[in-house]
């Protein structure tokens, strides 16, 4: 996925005409719905694992064939000669570095949240819905599907808005709100299921859409001939961080319970928001969202 993701973003960016944030958001929304579907399948039940793998693999093969019919748009940069030193631009260019830090903070939170919110909801519902395991499983799986899948809608909405009013401030605000959800959601463990679900749903909407905006910043700030390299570095380094956060959560659950489990995840979006605000002050930020920063 990390190999396909930046290539897909670069291809979409070649067609951008003032709507880079929305185009990248559509790609991330598709990824988000894909991440949500297994929880829906769990809720439906009675699906043989062989059938699931065959269907998923068939879609992957179909995508591999369909991509051959996708052309590149007029915004395609001239491919540069191979130069390994080009990767250093991800760190030496301050604005691109800040966009990367924003993305890294986002990924510190996202995949750990996606990995553990299902178990969090299941354990929370178990304490309030009684000993009916089938009922708890159904509600928890449906709730998780809604929480994860809602991020797709958040992506599309924020992508549409960011292209029109600017990226940096709205992305920073989204990160701050998402980090706040990470801080408070644990204190609702075992509370009314509808309240727990509502807060997790808000978190699910907010936890995703900053990703396409930080990537859109890379596309708008980087030299067109190096966009693919910059997106690949951003994505791969970000994905390398995710296992650390994913493994921290259960350690905290073992020691202190679910109340404090998600708190460390808030560090990522809070630092990411700071990076986005600092990027807003850079002179070349006028290249973002058609000058709206």
Foldseek 3Di string as FASTA:
>chain_A
DLVVLLVCLLQQLLADDLQSLQSNLLVLLVVLLVLLVVLVCQLVDPDDVVVVVVVVVVVVVVVVVVVVVRDGHNNADDADPDDVCVLCCCPPVLLNVLLLLLQLLLLLQPPLCLVCQLVQLLQLVCLPVDDPNSVSSNVSSVLSSLLSSLLSVLQNVCSVVCLPQHQLQVLLVLLLLLLVLLLALLVCRNPDSVVSSVSSSSNSNSSRNSNSSSLSSLCQPDDSNCSSVSSSVSSVVSVVSHVVSNVQQVVCCVVPRSSCRRNVSSVSSNSSSVSSVVSCPDPVSCSTSVHSD
